[in-house]
Amino acid sequence: MGCRGRAAADELLRVTAGPDAHGRPAVVPDPGRRAPGRGAHVHPDPACLDLAVRRKAFPRALRVPPPLSVEALTDHLDSRLAARPAPPARPTDLPTDRSWSNGS
């Protein structure tokens, strides 16, 4: 929704409109895809979320009046990124074959 890119449904995160912890209208993550009501899909990526917020896409897609808090969605994405394993380190201490270089 934010980046307007296409992806398979299992690669996207479904969100719905619901109350936040303080009872205010908010964008709520629905990872189980079972929450009632109108939903929208967004890439689980902070850059895509930022674009959706900047374009004011959540109120339009969910058909609710603004403002909508995205704090719950941001917390969900942060925890999801923290749980993701770190990519393997690139080996920088491996010897390289530089026999093609004459050193000049």
Foldseek 3Di string as FASTA:
>chain_A
DQVPDDDDPLQWWKWAWDADPVGDIAIATDRVPPDDAFIDTFGLDVVSVVSCVVVVVVCVRNVHDDDHHHVNVVVVSVVVVVPDDDDDDDDPPDDDDPVVDPPD
